[in-house]
Every structure is written in structure tokens, then in C-alpha cells.
């Protein structure tokens, strides 16, 4: 079976869709990391959920505007880097 590489939500190009492919990160880590993972999970970043990067701030590309299901969120870079996704086409454009 071919494994499709996961990328971070921050690395997903604007306008491209993907599917959360492993839930928020942080199996191990400090309490702050676990709290962030729980927060992301609670707002909808769960394995199998469709996501799309809608826009990015300037400069530096943050915050990242992301649609999860029918809801839009603005995430900071370090938050978006905690979510692994499979790009809709299977590869990054």
C-alpha cells in the first residue's frame, strides 16, 4: 500500500483542500502542547475532516484563514503546523 505523505495545514496552499490525516499532533509534550492539541480537536480538526486554506495574512503568511466543515477559523502559524493533512490531490501543488 502506498502511503500518501502528510503535510502541515500551514503548508497547504491557499485555495487547496485536504483532509485531516492524523488529527492534531502532540502524542507527547508539555501541558501547553496537549492543551493546544485538545483545543484544535474540539474546534473540529479531527481525522477525516475536510479542510481548506482560504487566505493568508501578510507578511509571513499568518494568520491562516481555514475552513473546517462549515466553519471558518483564523490560526496562527504554530497552531496550523500542529495539524497534519493529506492534500486533496494527494500531492502539494
N, C-alpha and C. Protein backbone atom coordinates (compact mmCIF):
# COMPACT_ATOMS: atom_id res chain seq x y z
N UNK A 1 0.85 -1.19 0.00
CA UNK A 1 0.00 0.00 0.00
C UNK A 1 0.88 1.24 0.00
N UNK A 2 0.57 2.18 -0.88
CA UNK A 2 1.33 3.43 -0.94
C UNK A 2 0.86 4.35 0.15
N UNK A 3 1.80 4.93 0.85
CA UNK A 3 1.40 5.90 1.87
C UNK A 3 1.50 7.29 1.28
N UNK A 4 0.46 8.06 1.49
CA UNK A 4 0.42 9.44 1.00
C UNK A 4 1.06 10.31 2.06
N UNK A 5 2.03 11.12 1.67
CA UNK A 5 2.69 11.96 2.67
C UNK A 5 1.75 13.02 3.24
N UNK A 6 1.86 13.20 4.53
CA UNK A 6 1.10 14.24 5.22
C UNK A 6 1.92 15.51 5.24
N UNK A 7 1.24 16.63 5.13
CA UNK A 7 1.90 17.93 5.27
C UNK A 7 1.18 18.68 6.38
N UNK A 8 1.77 19.77 6.83
CA UNK A 8 1.07 20.56 7.85
C UNK A 8 0.03 21.44 7.17
N UNK A 9 -0.97 21.80 7.92
CA UNK A 9 -2.01 22.68 7.42
C UNK A 9 -1.39 24.01 6.96
N UNK A 10 -0.35 24.46 7.65
CA UNK A 10 0.30 25.71 7.25
C UNK A 10 0.91 25.59 5.85
N UNK A 11 1.36 24.40 5.47
CA UNK A 11 1.99 24.19 4.17
C UNK A 11 1.00 23.96 3.03
N UNK A 12 -0.28 23.81 3.33
CA UNK A 12 -1.29 23.63 2.30
C UNK A 12 -1.50 24.97 1.58
N UNK A 13 -1.38 24.97 0.25
CA UNK A 13 -1.53 26.23 -0.49
C UNK A 13 -2.93 26.83 -0.37
N UNK A 14 -3.02 28.15 -0.51
CA UNK A 14 -4.30 28.86 -0.49
C UNK A 14 -5.19 28.30 -1.59
N UNK A 15 -6.44 28.04 -1.25
CA UNK A 15 -7.41 27.52 -2.21
C UNK A 15 -7.43 26.01 -2.31
N UNK A 16 -6.43 25.34 -1.78
CA UNK A 16 -6.39 23.89 -1.88
C UNK A 16 -7.09 23.25 -0.68
N UNK A 17 -7.77 22.16 -0.96
CA UNK A 17 -8.45 21.41 0.08
C UNK A 17 -7.61 20.22 0.50
N UNK A 18 -7.97 19.68 1.63
CA UNK A 18 -7.31 18.49 2.12
C UNK A 18 -8.19 17.84 3.17
N UNK A 19 -7.67 16.76 3.72
CA UNK A 19 -8.37 16.03 4.77
C UNK A 19 -7.42 15.87 5.93
N UNK A 20 -7.91 16.15 7.12
CA UNK A 20 -7.07 15.96 8.31
C UNK A 20 -6.70 14.49 8.35
N UNK A 21 -5.40 14.24 8.41
CA UNK A 21 -4.93 12.87 8.26
C UNK A 21 -4.19 12.35 9.45
N UNK A 22 -4.53 12.68 10.60
CA UNK A 22 -3.83 12.18 11.77
C UNK A 22 -4.21 12.97 12.98
N UNK A 23 -5.18 13.83 12.83
CA UNK A 23 -5.60 14.65 13.95
C UNK A 23 -4.52 15.61 14.35
N UNK A 24 -4.80 16.41 15.32
CA UNK A 24 -3.75 17.30 15.82
C UNK A 24 -2.59 16.48 16.35
N UNK A 25 -1.42 17.02 16.24
CA UNK A 25 -0.21 16.35 16.69
C UNK A 25 -0.16 16.30 18.21
N UNK A 26 0.96 15.96 18.71
CA UNK A 26 1.31 16.00 20.12
C UNK A 26 0.84 14.77 20.89
N UNK A 27 1.51 13.67 20.65
CA UNK A 27 1.29 12.48 21.46
C UNK A 27 2.03 12.65 22.78
N UNK A 28 3.19 13.27 22.69
CA UNK A 28 3.97 13.56 23.89
C UNK A 28 4.24 15.06 23.88
N UNK A 29 4.55 15.60 25.01
CA UNK A 29 4.87 17.01 25.05
C UNK A 29 4.45 17.61 26.37
N UNK A 30 4.67 18.90 26.45
CA UNK A 30 4.32 19.58 27.70
C UNK A 30 2.82 19.86 27.76
N UNK A 31 2.38 20.35 28.88
CA UNK A 31 0.95 20.60 29.09
C UNK A 31 0.40 21.59 28.07
N UNK A 32 1.19 22.60 27.69
CA UNK A 32 0.74 23.58 26.70
C UNK A 32 0.49 22.94 25.35
N UNK A 33 1.35 22.00 24.95
CA UNK A 33 1.15 21.29 23.69
C UNK A 33 -0.12 20.45 23.73
N UNK A 34 -0.35 19.77 24.83
CA UNK A 34 -1.55 18.94 24.96
C UNK A 34 -2.81 19.81 24.95
N UNK A 35 -2.75 20.97 25.59
CA UNK A 35 -3.90 21.88 25.60
C UNK A 35 -4.21 22.39 24.19
N UNK A 36 -3.15 22.72 23.43
CA UNK A 36 -3.35 23.17 22.05
C UNK A 36 -3.95 22.05 21.22
N UNK A 37 -3.45 20.83 21.35
CA UNK A 37 -3.99 19.69 20.60
C UNK A 37 -5.46 19.49 20.94
N UNK A 38 -5.81 19.59 22.21
CA UNK A 38 -7.20 19.42 22.64
C UNK A 38 -8.07 20.54 22.06
N UNK A 39 -7.58 21.76 22.08
CA UNK A 39 -8.34 22.90 21.53
C UNK A 39 -8.61 22.68 20.04
N UNK A 40 -7.58 22.28 19.29
CA UNK A 40 -7.75 22.04 17.86
C UNK A 40 -8.76 20.92 17.61
N UNK A 41 -8.68 19.87 18.40
CA UNK A 41 -9.62 18.76 18.28
C UNK A 41 -11.05 19.24 18.55
N UNK A 42 -11.22 20.03 19.60
CA UNK A 42 -12.55 20.50 19.99
C UNK A 42 -13.19 21.41 18.95
N UNK A 43 -12.38 22.16 18.19
CA UNK A 43 -12.97 23.05 17.18
C UNK A 43 -13.14 22.36 15.82
N UNK A 44 -12.78 21.08 15.74
CA UNK A 44 -13.12 20.35 14.53
C UNK A 44 -11.98 19.75 13.74
N UNK A 45 -10.75 19.92 14.17
CA UNK A 45 -9.63 19.34 13.45
C UNK A 45 -9.44 17.89 13.87
N UNK A 46 -10.34 17.04 13.34
CA UNK A 46 -10.29 15.62 13.67
C UNK A 46 -10.01 14.82 12.40
N UNK A 47 -9.43 13.66 12.57
CA UNK A 47 -9.06 12.83 11.44
C UNK A 47 -10.26 12.58 10.53
N UNK A 48 -10.04 12.80 9.22
CA UNK A 48 -11.08 12.59 8.23
C UNK A 48 -11.88 13.83 7.88
N UNK A 49 -11.73 14.91 8.65
CA UNK A 49 -12.48 16.15 8.40
C UNK A 49 -11.86 16.91 7.22
N UNK A 50 -12.72 17.42 6.34
CA UNK A 50 -12.24 18.21 5.20
C UNK A 50 -11.86 19.61 5.67
N UNK A 51 -10.75 20.11 5.12
CA UNK A 51 -10.28 21.46 5.44
C UNK A 51 -9.86 22.15 4.14
N UNK A 52 -9.87 23.48 4.17
CA UNK A 52 -9.41 24.26 3.02
C UNK A 52 -8.80 25.54 3.53
N UNK A 53 -7.63 25.89 2.99
CA UNK A 53 -6.99 27.17 3.32
C UNK A 53 -7.64 28.21 2.43
N UNK A 54 -8.25 29.22 3.06
CA UNK A 54 -8.99 30.25 2.33
C UNK A 54 -8.12 31.46 2.03
N UNK A 55 -7.31 31.88 2.99
CA UNK A 55 -6.48 33.07 2.81
C UNK A 55 -5.34 33.06 3.81
N UNK A 56 -4.37 33.93 3.56
CA UNK A 56 -3.23 34.11 4.47
C UNK A 56 -3.01 35.60 4.67
N UNK A 57 -2.57 35.93 5.87
CA UNK A 57 -2.22 37.31 6.16
C UNK A 57 -0.86 37.66 5.57
N UNK A 58 -0.57 38.91 5.53
CA UNK A 58 0.72 39.39 5.02
C UNK A 58 1.36 40.26 6.08
N UNK A 59 2.62 40.29 6.24
CA UNK A 59 3.63 39.39 5.66
C UNK A 59 3.73 38.10 6.46
N UNK A 60 4.42 37.15 5.94
CA UNK A 60 4.71 35.92 6.66
C UNK A 60 3.66 34.84 6.57
N UNK A 61 2.52 35.12 5.98
CA UNK A 61 1.51 34.10 5.77
C UNK A 61 0.64 33.77 6.96
N UNK A 62 0.67 34.63 7.98
CA UNK A 62 -0.22 34.36 9.11
C UNK A 62 -0.95 35.61 9.51
N UNK A 63 -2.14 35.49 10.05
CA UNK A 63 -2.83 34.23 10.35
C UNK A 63 -3.28 33.52 9.08
N UNK A 64 -3.64 32.26 9.22
CA UNK A 64 -4.14 31.44 8.12
C UNK A 64 -5.65 31.29 8.32
N UNK A 65 -6.42 31.69 7.33
CA UNK A 65 -7.87 31.51 7.38
C UNK A 65 -8.19 30.14 6.82
N UNK A 66 -8.84 29.31 7.63
CA UNK A 66 -9.09 27.92 7.28
C UNK A 66 -10.57 27.60 7.45
N UNK A 67 -11.12 26.90 6.47
CA UNK A 67 -12.50 26.42 6.59
C UNK A 67 -12.44 24.96 6.99
N UNK A 68 -13.13 24.64 8.09
CA UNK A 68 -13.26 23.27 8.57
C UNK A 68 -14.75 22.98 8.61
N UNK A 69 -15.19 22.06 7.78
CA UNK A 69 -16.64 21.84 7.67
C UNK A 69 -17.29 23.12 7.19
N UNK A 70 -18.23 23.65 7.96
CA UNK A 70 -18.92 24.88 7.58
C UNK A 70 -18.45 26.09 8.38
N UNK A 71 -17.33 25.94 9.08
CA UNK A 71 -16.86 27.00 9.97
C UNK A 71 -15.50 27.51 9.52
N UNK A 72 -15.30 28.82 9.68
CA UNK A 72 -14.03 29.45 9.32
C UNK A 72 -13.27 29.80 10.60
N UNK A 73 -11.98 29.51 10.60
CA UNK A 73 -11.11 29.84 11.73
C UNK A 73 -9.87 30.56 11.23
N UNK A 74 -9.32 31.41 12.06
CA UNK A 74 -8.02 32.02 11.80
C UNK A 74 -7.04 31.38 12.78
N UNK A 75 -5.99 30.78 12.25
CA UNK A 75 -4.99 30.12 13.08
C UNK A 75 -3.65 30.81 12.93
N UNK A 76 -2.90 30.84 14.00
CA UNK A 76 -1.52 31.30 13.92
C UNK A 76 -0.68 30.20 13.32
N UNK A 77 0.49 30.55 12.84
CA UNK A 77 1.36 29.58 12.18
C UNK A 77 1.61 28.36 13.06
N UNK A 78 2.00 28.58 14.32
CA UNK A 78 2.35 27.44 15.16
C UNK A 78 1.14 26.54 15.41
N UNK A 79 -0.07 27.09 15.36
CA UNK A 79 -1.28 26.26 15.51
C UNK A 79 -1.51 25.44 14.24
N UNK A 80 -1.41 26.10 13.08
CA UNK A 80 -1.62 25.41 11.80
C UNK A 80 -0.56 24.33 11.57
N UNK A 81 0.60 24.50 12.13
CA UNK A 81 1.66 23.49 11.98
C UNK A 81 1.40 22.26 12.84
N UNK A 82 0.42 22.30 13.72
CA UNK A 82 0.10 21.15 14.57
C UNK A 82 -0.91 20.20 13.94
N UNK A 83 -1.47 20.57 12.78
CA UNK A 83 -2.48 19.75 12.12
C UNK A 83 -1.87 19.16 10.86
N UNK A 84 -1.90 17.83 10.74
CA UNK A 84 -1.41 17.16 9.55
C UNK A 84 -2.57 16.91 8.60
N UNK A 85 -2.32 17.15 7.30
CA UNK A 85 -3.38 16.97 6.29
C UNK A 85 -2.85 16.18 5.10
N UNK A 86 -3.77 15.53 4.41
CA UNK A 86 -3.50 14.92 3.13
C UNK A 86 -4.09 15.86 2.09
N UNK A 87 -3.26 16.45 1.22
CA UNK A 87 -3.81 17.34 0.19
C UNK A 87 -4.83 16.59 -0.66
N UNK A 88 -5.87 17.29 -1.14
CA UNK A 88 -6.96 16.67 -1.89
C UNK A 88 -6.46 15.89 -3.10
N UNK A 89 -5.45 16.39 -3.76
CA UNK A 89 -4.93 15.70 -4.94
C UNK A 89 -3.86 14.68 -4.56
N UNK A 90 -3.51 14.59 -3.28
CA UNK A 90 -2.50 13.64 -2.84
C UNK A 90 -1.09 14.16 -2.90
N UNK A 91 -0.91 15.30 -3.59
CA UNK A 91 0.42 15.91 -3.68
C UNK A 91 0.26 17.41 -3.51
N UNK A 92 1.31 18.06 -3.10
CA UNK A 92 1.28 19.51 -2.95
C UNK A 92 1.58 20.14 -4.29
N UNK A 93 0.76 21.10 -4.70
CA UNK A 93 0.95 21.79 -5.98
C UNK A 93 2.13 22.73 -5.93
